PDB file of N, CA and C in Angstrom:
ATOM      1  N   MET A   1     176.796-155.235  63.243  1.00  0.00           N
ATOM      2  CA  MET A   1     176.425-154.697  62.014  1.00  0.00           C
ATOM      3  C   MET A   1     175.193-155.480  61.471  1.00  0.00           C
ATOM      4  N   ALA A   2     174.197-154.776  61.124  1.00  0.00           N
ATOM      5  CA  ALA A   2     173.021-155.373  60.577  1.00  0.00           C
ATOM      6  C   ALA A   2     173.144-155.647  59.099  1.00  0.00           C
ATOM      7  N   SER A   3     172.408-156.658  58.624  1.00  0.00           N
ATOM      8  CA  SER A   3     172.449-157.012  57.219  1.00  0.00           C
ATOM      9  C   SER A   3     171.544-156.005  56.401  1.00  0.00           C
ATOM     10  N   SER A   4     171.934-155.795  55.185  1.00  0.00           N
ATOM     11  CA  SER A   4     171.151-154.873  54.319  1.00  0.00           C
ATOM     12  C   SER A   4     169.941-155.600  53.666  1.00  0.00           C
ATOM     13  N   LYS A   5     168.924-154.761  53.488  1.00  0.00           N
ATOM     14  CA  LYS A   5     167.723-155.276  52.745  1.00  0.00           C
ATOM     15  C   LYS A   5     168.088-155.714  51.358  1.00  0.00           C
ATOM     16  N   GLY A   6     169.078-154.996  50.821  1.00  0.00           N
ATOM     17  CA  GLY A   6     169.551-155.345  49.405  1.00  0.00           C
ATOM     18  C   GLY A   6     170.108-156.753  49.301  1.00  0.00           C
ATOM     19  N   TYR A   7     170.919-157.107  50.329  1.00  0.00           N
ATOM     20  CA  TYR A   7     171.445-158.421  50.372  1.00  0.00           C
ATOM     21  C   TYR A   7     170.394-159.493  50.543  1.00  0.00           C
ATOM     22  N   LEU A   8     169.432-159.227  51.446  1.00  0.00           N
ATOM     23  CA  LEU A   8     168.290-160.112  51.614  1.00  0.00           C
ATOM     24  C   LEU A   8     167.582-160.316  50.329  1.00  0.00           C
ATOM     25  N   ASP A   9     167.252-159.218  49.603  1.00  0.00           N
ATOM     26  CA  ASP A   9     166.568-159.264  48.302  1.00  0.00           C
ATOM     27  C   ASP A   9     167.302-160.113  47.304  1.00  0.00           C
ATOM     28  N   PHE A  10     168.648-159.976  47.286  1.00  0.00           N
ATOM     29  CA  PHE A  10     169.485-160.823  46.368  1.00  0.00           C
ATOM     30  C   PHE A  10     169.389-162.292  46.712  1.00  0.00           C
ATOM     31  N   ILE A  11     169.493-162.628  47.955  1.00  0.00           N
ATOM     32  CA  ILE A  11     169.394-164.037  48.355  1.00  0.00           C
ATOM     33  C   ILE A  11     168.007-164.637  48.064  1.00  0.00           C
ATOM     34  N   MET A  12     167.017-163.814  48.354  1.00  0.00           N
ATOM     35  CA  MET A  12     165.587-164.327  48.062  1.00  0.00           C
ATOM     36  C   MET A  12     165.409-164.444  46.506  1.00  0.00           C
ATOM     37  N   ASP A  13     165.964-163.573  45.793  1.00  0.00           N
ATOM     38  CA  ASP A  13     165.887-163.685  44.280  1.00  0.00           C
ATOM     39  C   ASP A  13     166.604-165.002  43.839  1.00  0.00           C
ATOM     40  N   GLN A  14     167.772-165.259  44.464  1.00  0.00           N
ATOM     41  CA  GLN A  14     168.516-166.453  44.056  1.00  0.00           C
ATOM     42  C   GLN A  14     167.689-167.779  44.423  1.00  0.00           C
ATOM     43  N   LEU A  15     166.858-167.686  45.391  1.00  0.00           N
ATOM     44  CA  LEU A  15     166.110-168.831  45.809  1.00  0.00           C
ATOM     45  C   LEU A  15     164.668-168.805  45.287  1.00  0.00           C
ATOM     46  N   SER A  16     164.364-167.931  44.334  1.00  0.00           N
ATOM     47  CA  SER A  16     162.990-167.730  43.869  1.00  0.00           C
ATOM     48  C   SER A  16     162.439-168.876  43.127  1.00  0.00           C
ATOM     49  N   ALA A  17     163.271-169.794  42.645  1.00  0.00           N
ATOM     50  CA  ALA A  17     162.817-170.984  41.885  1.00  0.00           C
ATOM     51  C   ALA A  17     162.134-171.991  42.830  1.00  0.00           C
ATOM     52  N   LEU A  18     162.412-171.819  44.128  1.00  0.00           N
ATOM     53  CA  LEU A  18     161.818-172.762  45.100  1.00  0.00           C
ATOM     54  C   LEU A  18     160.497-172.210  45.636  1.00  0.00           C
ATOM     55  N   PRO A  19     159.535-173.052  45.865  1.00  0.00           N
ATOM     56  CA  PRO A  19     158.270-172.560  46.490  1.00  0.00           C
ATOM     57  C   PRO A  19     158.459-172.374  47.962  1.00  0.00           C
ATOM     58  N   ASP A  20     157.771-171.468  48.546  1.00  0.00           N
ATOM     59  CA  ASP A  20     157.663-171.349  49.994  1.00  0.00           C
ATOM     60  C   ASP A  20     158.985-171.053  50.751  1.00  0.00           C
ATOM     61  N   VAL A  21     159.837-170.229  50.129  1.00  0.00           N
ATOM     62  CA  VAL A  21     160.987-169.671  50.838  1.00  0.00           C
ATOM     63  C   VAL A  21     160.558-168.316  51.451  1.00  0.00           C
ATOM     64  N   THR A  22     160.685-168.191  52.736  1.00  0.00           N
ATOM     65  CA  THR A  22     160.225-167.003  53.413  1.00  0.00           C
ATOM     66  C   THR A  22     161.337-166.496  54.384  1.00  0.00           C
ATOM     67  N   TYR A  23     161.201-165.355  54.962  1.00  0.00           N
ATOM     68  CA  TYR A  23     162.132-164.843  55.892  1.00  0.00           C
ATOM     69  C   TYR A  23     161.444-164.093  57.019  1.00  0.00           C
ATOM     70  N   ARG A  24     162.132-163.942  58.094  1.00  0.00           N
ATOM     71  CA  ARG A  24     161.648-163.166  59.224  1.00  0.00           C
ATOM     72  C   ARG A  24     162.808-162.215  59.694  1.00  0.00           C
ATOM     73  N   ALA A  25     162.502-160.956  59.814  1.00  0.00           N
ATOM     74  CA  ALA A  25     163.483-160.016  60.377  1.00  0.00           C
ATOM     75  C   ALA A  25     163.642-160.254  61.804  1.00  0.00           C
ATOM     76  N   MET A  26     164.869-160.256  62.315  1.00  0.00           N
ATOM     77  CA  MET A  26     165.164-160.481  63.737  1.00  0.00           C
ATOM     78  C   MET A  26     166.434-159.716  64.165  1.00  0.00           C
ATOM     79  N   MET A  27     166.210-158.696  64.858  1.00  0.00           N
ATOM     80  CA  MET A  27     167.329-157.884  65.397  1.00  0.00           C
ATOM     81  C   MET A  27     168.325-157.453  64.360  1.00  0.00           C
ATOM     82  N   GLY A  28     167.870-156.996  63.285  1.00  0.00           N
ATOM     83  CA  GLY A  28     168.698-156.465  62.178  1.00  0.00           C
ATOM     84  C   GLY A  28     169.202-157.490  61.241  1.00  0.00           C
ATOM     85  N   GLU A  29     168.848-158.747  61.482  1.00  0.00           N
ATOM     86  CA  GLU A  29     169.275-159.852  60.625  1.00  0.00           C
ATOM     87  C   GLU A  29     168.053-160.605  60.160  1.00  0.00           C
ATOM     88  N   TYR A  30     168.227-161.667  59.387  1.00  0.00           N
ATOM     89  CA  TYR A  30     167.024-162.302  58.745  1.00  0.00           C
ATOM     90  C   TYR A  30     167.165-163.823  58.884  1.00  0.00           C
ATOM     91  N   ILE A  31     166.095-164.455  59.360  1.00  0.00           N
ATOM     92  CA  ILE A  31     166.084-165.912  59.483  1.00  0.00           C
ATOM     93  C   ILE A  31     165.428-166.352  58.156  1.00  0.00           C
ATOM     94  N   ILE A  32     165.968-167.357  57.524  1.00  0.00           N
ATOM     95  CA  ILE A  32     165.423-167.895  56.232  1.00  0.00           C
ATOM     96  C   ILE A  32     164.777-169.234  56.520  1.00  0.00           C
ATOM     97  N   TYR A  33     163.532-169.403  56.015  1.00  0.00           N
ATOM     98  CA  TYR A  33     162.716-170.583  56.123  1.00  0.00           C
ATOM     99  C   TYR A  33     162.486-171.218  54.757  1.00  0.00           C
ATOM    100  N   TYR A  34     162.475-172.519  54.730  1.00  0.00           N
ATOM    101  CA  TYR A  34     162.105-173.212  53.530  1.00  0.00           C
ATOM    102  C   TYR A  34     160.977-174.233  53.947  1.00  0.00           C
ATOM    103  N   ARG A  35     159.845-174.019  53.313  1.00  0.00           N
ATOM    104  CA  ARG A  35     158.714-174.865  53.624  1.00  0.00           C
ATOM    105  C   ARG A  35     158.430-175.023  55.155  1.00  0.00           C
ATOM    106  N   GLY A  36     158.562-173.872  55.781  1.00  0.00           N
ATOM    107  CA  GLY A  36     158.320-173.768  57.240  1.00  0.00           C
ATOM    108  C   GLY A  36     159.394-174.125  58.157  1.00  0.00           C
ATOM    109  N   LYS A  37     160.532-174.673  57.650  1.00  0.00           N
ATOM    110  CA  LYS A  37     161.648-175.048  58.478  1.00  0.00           C
ATOM    111  C   LYS A  37     162.783-174.031  58.361  1.00  0.00           C
ATOM    112  N   ILE A  38     163.508-173.739  59.470  1.00  0.00           N
ATOM    113  CA  ILE A  38     164.646-172.792  59.443  1.00  0.00           C
ATOM    114  C   ILE A  38     165.787-173.529  58.741  1.00  0.00           C
ATOM    115  N   VAL A  39     166.313-172.886  57.681  1.00  0.00           N
ATOM    116  CA  VAL A  39     167.489-173.472  57.018  1.00  0.00           C
ATOM    117  C   VAL A  39     168.756-172.700  57.416  1.00  0.00           C
ATOM    118  N   GLY A  40     168.583-171.453  57.852  1.00  0.00           N
ATOM    119  CA  GLY A  40     169.734-170.601  58.199  1.00  0.00           C
ATOM    120  C   GLY A  40     169.308-169.163  58.274  1.00  0.00           C
ATOM    121  N   GLY A  41     170.214-168.266  57.867  1.00  0.00           N
ATOM    122  CA  GLY A  41     169.868-166.868  57.949  1.00  0.00           C
ATOM    123  C   GLY A  41     170.927-166.051  57.260  1.00  0.00           C
ATOM    124  N   ILE A  42     170.624-164.738  57.255  1.00  0.00           N
ATOM    125  CA  ILE A  42     171.537-163.739  56.770  1.00  0.00           C
ATOM    126  C   ILE A  42     172.051-162.903  57.972  1.00  0.00           C
ATOM    127  N   TYR A  43     173.336-162.990  58.167  1.00  0.00           N
ATOM    128  CA  TYR A  43     173.983-162.337  59.328  1.00  0.00           C
ATOM    129  C   TYR A  43     175.143-161.520  58.804  1.00  0.00           C
ATOM    130  N   ASP A  44     175.151-160.216  59.000  1.00  0.00           N
ATOM    131  CA  ASP A  44     176.270-159.364  58.541  1.00  0.00           C
ATOM    132  C   ASP A  44     176.477-159.500  57.075  1.00  0.00           C
ATOM    133  N   ASP A  45     175.391-159.607  56.281  1.00  0.00           N
ATOM    134  CA  ASP A  45     175.494-159.777  54.863  1.00  0.00           C
ATOM    135  C   ASP A  45     176.258-161.020  54.498  1.00  0.00           C
ATOM    136  N   ARG A  46     176.028-162.070  55.262  1.00  0.00           N
ATOM    137  CA  ARG A  46     176.555-163.460  54.939  1.00  0.00           C
ATOM    138  C   ARG A  46     175.367-164.419  54.993  1.00  0.00           C
ATOM    139  N   PHE A  47     175.294-165.250  53.992  1.00  0.00           N
ATOM    140  CA  PHE A  47     174.276-166.324  54.068  1.00  0.00           C
ATOM    141  C   PHE A  47     174.859-167.547  54.720  1.00  0.00           C
ATOM    142  N   LEU A  48     174.304-167.881  55.899  1.00  0.00           N
ATOM    143  CA  LEU A  48     174.793-169.025  56.678  1.00  0.00           C
ATOM    144  C   LEU A  48     173.645-170.012  56.817  1.00  0.00           C
ATOM    145  N   VAL A  49     174.049-171.328  56.770  1.00  0.00           N
ATOM    146  CA  VAL A  49     173.087-172.437  56.850  1.00  0.00           C
ATOM    147  C   VAL A  49     173.435-173.330  57.959  1.00  0.00           C
ATOM    148  N   LYS A  50     172.435-174.084  58.434  1.00  0.00           N
ATOM    149  CA  LYS A  50     172.675-175.057  59.496  1.00  0.00           C
ATOM    150  C   LYS A  50     173.645-176.107  59.004  1.00  0.00           C
ATOM    151  N   PRO A  51     174.521-176.626  59.902  1.00  0.00           N
ATOM    152  CA  PRO A  51     175.484-177.602  59.452  1.00  0.00           C
ATOM    153  C   PRO A  51     174.956-179.096  59.423  1.00  0.00           C
ATOM    154  N   VAL A  52     173.873-179.288  58.756  1.00  0.00           N
ATOM    155  CA  VAL A  52     173.312-180.686  58.608  1.00  0.00           C
ATOM    156  C   VAL A  52     174.214-181.435  57.626  1.00  0.00           C
ATOM    157  N   LYS A  53     174.100-182.749  57.687  1.00  0.00           N
ATOM    158  CA  LYS A  53     174.950-183.624  56.853  1.00  0.00           C
ATOM    159  C   LYS A  53     174.945-183.280  55.319  1.00  0.00           C
ATOM    160  N   ALA A  54     173.745-182.992  54.822  1.00  0.00           N
ATOM    161  CA  ALA A  54     173.649-182.681  53.383  1.00  0.00           C
ATOM    162  C   ALA A  54     174.402-181.402  53.090  1.00  0.00           C
ATOM    163  N   ALA A  55     174.355-180.374  53.881  1.00  0.00           N
ATOM    164  CA  ALA A  55     175.024-179.146  53.642  1.00  0.00           C
ATOM    165  C   ALA A  55     176.539-179.381  53.680  1.00  0.00           C
ATOM    166  N   VAL A  56     177.029-180.102  54.668  1.00  0.00           N
ATOM    167  CA  VAL A  56     178.431-180.388  54.818  1.00  0.00           C
ATOM    168  C   VAL A  56     178.911-181.268  53.517  1.00  0.00           C
ATOM    169  N   ALA A  57     178.051-182.159  53.128  1.00  0.00           N
ATOM    170  CA  ALA A  57     178.466-182.990  51.944  1.00  0.00           C
ATOM    171  C   ALA A  57     178.526-182.151  50.676  1.00  0.00           C
ATOM    172  N   MET A  58     177.664-181.158  50.528  1.00  0.00           N
ATOM    173  CA  MET A  58     177.646-180.356  49.316  1.00  0.00           C
ATOM    174  C   MET A  58     178.720-179.256  49.352  1.00  0.00           C
ATOM    175  N   MET A  59     179.165-178.904  50.581  1.00  0.00           N
ATOM    176  CA  MET A  59     180.212-177.850  50.703  1.00  0.00           C
ATOM    177  C   MET A  59     181.283-178.349  51.710  1.00  0.00           C
ATOM    178  N   PRO A  60     182.030-179.344  51.309  1.00  0.00           N
ATOM    179  CA  PRO A  60     182.962-179.951  52.276  1.00  0.00           C
ATOM    180  C   PRO A  60     184.088-179.029  52.776  1.00  0.00           C
ATOM    181  N   ASP A  61     184.426-178.028  51.970  1.00  0.00           N
ATOM    182  CA  ASP A  61     185.449-177.139  52.241  1.00  0.00           C
ATOM    183  C   ASP A  61     184.999-175.802  52.775  1.00  0.00           C
ATOM    184  N   ALA A  62     183.711-175.713  53.041  1.00  0.00           N
ATOM    185  CA  ALA A  62     183.161-174.417  53.545  1.00  0.00           C
ATOM    186  C   ALA A  62     183.601-174.058  54.895  1.00  0.00           C
ATOM    187  N   GLU A  63     183.665-172.769  55.170  1.00  0.00           N
ATOM    188  CA  GLU A  63     184.025-172.249  56.523  1.00  0.00           C
ATOM    189  C   GLU A  63     182.846-172.362  57.477  1.00  0.00           C
ATOM    190  N   LEU A  64     183.168-172.683  58.695  1.00  0.00           N
ATOM    191  CA  LEU A  64     182.163-172.596  59.769  1.00  0.00           C
ATOM    192  C   LEU A  64     182.294-171.227  60.450  1.00  0.00           C
ATOM    193  N   GLU A  65     181.214-170.467  60.579  1.00  0.00           N
ATOM    194  CA  GLU A  65     181.244-169.132  61.158  1.00  0.00           C
ATOM    195  C   GLU A  65     180.193-168.971  62.205  1.00  0.00           C
ATOM    196  N   LEU A  66     180.428-168.017  63.062  1.00  0.00           N
ATOM    197  CA  LEU A  66     179.404-167.731  64.073  1.00  0.00           C
ATOM    198  C   LEU A  66     178.492-166.664  63.481  1.00  0.00           C
ATOM    199  N   PRO A  67     177.156-166.866  63.545  1.00  0.00           N
ATOM    200  CA  PRO A  67     176.294-165.811  63.098  1.00  0.00           C
ATOM    201  C   PRO A  67     176.353-164.553  63.961  1.00  0.00           C
ATOM    202  N   TYR A  68     176.456-164.834  65.300  1.00  0.00           N
ATOM    203  CA  TYR A  68     176.620-163.748  66.303  1.00  0.00           C
ATOM    204  C   TYR A  68     177.258-164.440  67.479  1.00  0.00           C
ATOM    205  N   GLU A  69     177.777-163.637  68.389  1.00  0.00           N
ATOM    206  CA  GLU A  69     178.509-164.087  69.557  1.00  0.00           C
ATOM    207  C   GLU A  69     177.514-164.966  70.400  1.00  0.00           C
ATOM    208  N   GLY A  70     177.976-166.139  70.825  1.00  0.00           N
ATOM    209  CA  GLY A  70     177.190-167.047  71.663  1.00  0.00           C
ATOM    210  C   GLY A  70     176.349-168.036  70.938  1.00  0.00           C
ATOM    211  N   ALA A  71     176.300-167.916  69.555  1.00  0.00           N
ATOM    212  CA  ALA A  71     175.507-168.853  68.781  1.00  0.00           C
ATOM    213  C   ALA A  71     176.327-170.058  68.350  1.00  0.00           C
ATOM    214  N   LYS A  72     175.636-171.042  67.836  1.00  0.00           N
ATOM    215  CA  LYS A  72     176.324-172.230  67.309  1.00  0.00           C
ATOM    216  C   LYS A  72     176.879-171.898  65.899  1.00  0.00           C
ATOM    217  N   GLU A  73     177.979-172.576  65.581  1.00  0.00           N
ATOM    218  CA  GLU A  73     178.559-172.305  64.251  1.00  0.00           C
ATOM    219  C   GLU A  73     177.618-172.758  63.135  1.00  0.00           C
ATOM    220  N   MET A  74     177.745-172.100  62.019  1.00  0.00           N
ATOM    221  CA  MET A  74     176.929-172.365  60.874  1.00  0.00           C
ATOM    222  C   MET A  74     177.840-172.455  59.637  1.00  0.00           C
ATOM    223  N   ILE A  75     177.392-172.957  58.503  1.00  0.00           N
ATOM    224  CA  ILE A  75     178.212-172.992  57.288  1.00  0.00           C
ATOM    225  C   ILE A  75     177.993-171.782  56.462  1.00  0.00           C
ATOM    226  N   LEU A  76     179.107-171.137  56.091  1.00  0.00           N
ATOM    227  CA  LEU A  76     179.085-169.974  55.181  1.00  0.00           C
ATOM    228  C   LEU A  76     178.906-170.472  53.750  1.00  0.00           C
ATOM    229  N   VAL A  77     177.820-170.041  53.112  1.00  0.00           N
ATOM    230  CA  VAL A  77     177.612-170.372  51.700  1.00  0.00           C
ATOM    231  C   VAL A  77     178.328-169.253  50.919  1.00  0.00           C
ATOM    232  N   ASP A  78     179.426-169.667  50.319  1.00  0.00           N
ATOM    233  CA  ASP A  78     180.300-168.620  49.637  1.00  0.00           C
ATOM    234  C   ASP A  78     179.938-168.516  48.154  1.00  0.00           C
ATOM    235  N   ASN A  79     179.223-169.465  47.544  1.00  0.00           N
ATOM    236  CA  ASN A  79     178.862-169.340  46.162  1.00  0.00           C
ATOM    237  C   ASN A  79     177.382-168.954  45.950  1.00  0.00           C
ATOM    238  N   VAL A  80     177.049-167.838  46.579  1.00  0.00           N
ATOM    239  CA  VAL A  80     175.631-167.329  46.472  1.00  0.00           C
ATOM    240  C   VAL A  80     175.230-166.912  45.087  1.00  0.00           C
ATOM    241  N   ASP A  81     176.259-166.756  44.235  1.00  0.00           N
ATOM    242  CA  ASP A  81     175.919-166.316  42.872  1.00  0.00           C
ATOM    243  C   ASP A  81     175.349-167.418  42.000  1.00  0.00           C
ATOM    244  N   ASP A  82     175.432-168.679  42.502  1.00  0.00           N
ATOM    245  CA  ASP A  82     174.934-169.795  41.741  1.00  0.00           C
ATOM    246  C   ASP A  82     173.563-170.199  42.314  1.00  0.00           C
ATOM    247  N   ALA A  83     172.518-169.593  41.659  1.00  0.00           N
ATOM    248  CA  ALA A  83     171.176-169.866  42.150  1.00  0.00           C
ATOM    249  C   ALA A  83     170.727-171.374  42.108  1.00  0.00           C
ATOM    250  N   GLU A  84     171.187-172.049  41.053  1.00  0.00           N
ATOM    251  CA  GLU A  84     170.825-173.512  40.948  1.00  0.00           C
ATOM    252  C   GLU A  84     171.461-174.271  42.129  1.00  0.00           C
ATOM    253  N   PHE A  85     172.674-173.947  42.459  1.00  0.00           N
ATOM    254  CA  PHE A  85     173.307-174.634  43.596  1.00  0.00           C
ATOM    255  C   PHE A  85     172.563-174.346  44.911  1.00  0.00           C
ATOM    256  N   MET A  86     172.224-173.066  45.090  1.00  0.00           N
ATOM    257  CA  MET A  86     171.525-172.678  46.318  1.00  0.00           C
ATOM    258  C   MET A  86     170.200-173.387  46.465  1.00  0.00           C
ATOM    259  N   CYS A  87     169.409-173.468  45.380  1.00  0.00           N
ATOM    260  CA  CYS A  87     168.152-174.186  45.422  1.00  0.00           C
ATOM    261  C   CYS A  87     168.350-175.642  45.705  1.00  0.00           C
ATOM    262  N   GLU A  88     169.307-176.257  45.017  1.00  0.00           N
ATOM    263  CA  GLU A  88     169.622-177.723  45.333  1.00  0.00           C
ATOM    264  C   GLU A  88     170.026-177.916  46.828  1.00  0.00           C
ATOM    265  N   LEU A  89     170.833-176.919  47.384  1.00  0.00           N
ATOM    266  CA  LEU A  89     171.205-176.998  48.739  1.00  0.00           C
ATOM    267  C   LEU A  89     170.054-177.059  49.655  1.00  0.00           C
ATOM    268  N   LEU A  90     169.144-176.189  49.516  1.00  0.00           N
ATOM    269  CA  LEU A  90     167.940-176.133  50.329  1.00  0.00           C
ATOM    270  C   LEU A  90     167.092-177.419  50.272  1.00  0.00           C
ATOM    271  N   ASN A  91     166.996-177.923  49.029  1.00  0.00           N
ATOM    272  CA  ASN A  91     166.240-179.172  48.798  1.00  0.00           C
ATOM    273  C   ASN A  91     166.874-180.340  49.432  1.00  0.00           C
ATOM    274  N   GLU A  92     168.240-180.427  49.438  1.00  0.00           N
ATOM    275  CA  GLU A  92     168.917-181.515  50.017  1.00  0.00           C
ATOM    276  C   GLU A  92     168.867-181.389  51.502  1.00  0.00           C
ATOM    277  N   MET A  93     168.917-180.189  52.103  1.00  0.00           N
ATOM    278  CA  MET A  93     168.890-179.982  53.512  1.00  0.00           C
ATOM    279  C   MET A  93     167.569-180.280  54.143  1.00  0.00           C
ATOM    280  N   TYR A  94     166.501-179.986  53.379  1.00  0.00           N
ATOM    281  CA  TYR A  94     165.151-179.959  53.958  1.00  0.00           C
ATOM    282  C   TYR A  94     164.781-181.272  54.813  1.00  0.00           C
ATOM    283  N   PRO A  95     165.031-182.515  54.315  1.00  0.00           N
ATOM    284  CA  PRO A  95     164.672-183.647  55.098  1.00  0.00           C
ATOM    285  C   PRO A  95     165.414-183.752  56.438  1.00  0.00           C
ATOM    286  N   GLU A  96     166.523-183.105  56.574  1.00  0.00           N
ATOM    287  CA  GLU A  96     167.326-183.201  57.833  1.00  0.00           C
ATOM    288  C   GLU A  96     167.006-182.095  58.809  1.00  0.00           C
ATOM    289  N   LEU A  97     166.288-181.158  58.396  1.00  0.00           N
ATOM    290  CA  LEU A  97     165.981-179.968  59.281  1.00  0.00           C
ATOM    291  C   LEU A  97     164.873-180.373  60.346  1.00  0.00           C
ATOM    292  N   PRO A  98     164.984-179.868  61.519  1.00  0.00           N
ATOM    293  CA  PRO A  98     163.982-180.148  62.472  1.00  0.00           C
ATOM    294  C   PRO A  98     162.644-179.496  62.194  1.00  0.00           C
ATOM    295  N   ALA A  99     161.581-180.147  62.548  1.00  0.00           N
ATOM    296  CA  ALA A  99     160.287-179.608  62.339  1.00  0.00           C
ATOM    297  C   ALA A  99     160.137-178.330  63.174  1.00  0.00           C
ATOM    298  N   PRO A 100     159.345-177.422  62.681  1.00  0.00           N
ATOM    299  CA  PRO A 100     159.099-176.169  63.384  1.00  0.00           C
ATOM    300  C   PRO A 100     158.479-176.428  64.788  1.00  0.00           C
ATOM    301  N   LYS A 101     158.915-175.627  65.734  1.00  0.00           N
ATOM    302  CA  LYS A 101     158.331-175.762  67.096  1.00  0.00           C
ATOM    303  C   LYS A 101     156.934-175.135  67.079  1.00  0.00           C
ATOM    304  N   LYS A 102     156.015-175.753  67.819  1.00  0.00           N
ATOM    305  CA  LYS A 102     154.636-175.251  67.857  1.00  0.00           C
ATOM    306  C   LYS A 102     154.439-174.322  68.935  1.00  0.00           C
TER     307      LYS A 102
END
């Protein structure tokens, strides 16, 4: 099942206080970038982020889910209605994310 453009718009709106949040459509889903680094994506209308230490610390009880079969587990962000939390999450994750591949 592909993610809806409406859900993407909602997530992007929640992150609008941050500069340089972008996305790329990929096979019916969306990869989310913050300042050029991949933070996660939208899969089946779920916002999933990489399980870096900062994300685990901010969401210790969060579920780990597969974005798609054969992928590595990611953390489900279940409180997407809290824009301030989501922006803080991306800011905390940023230093731990790998640099983009050239």
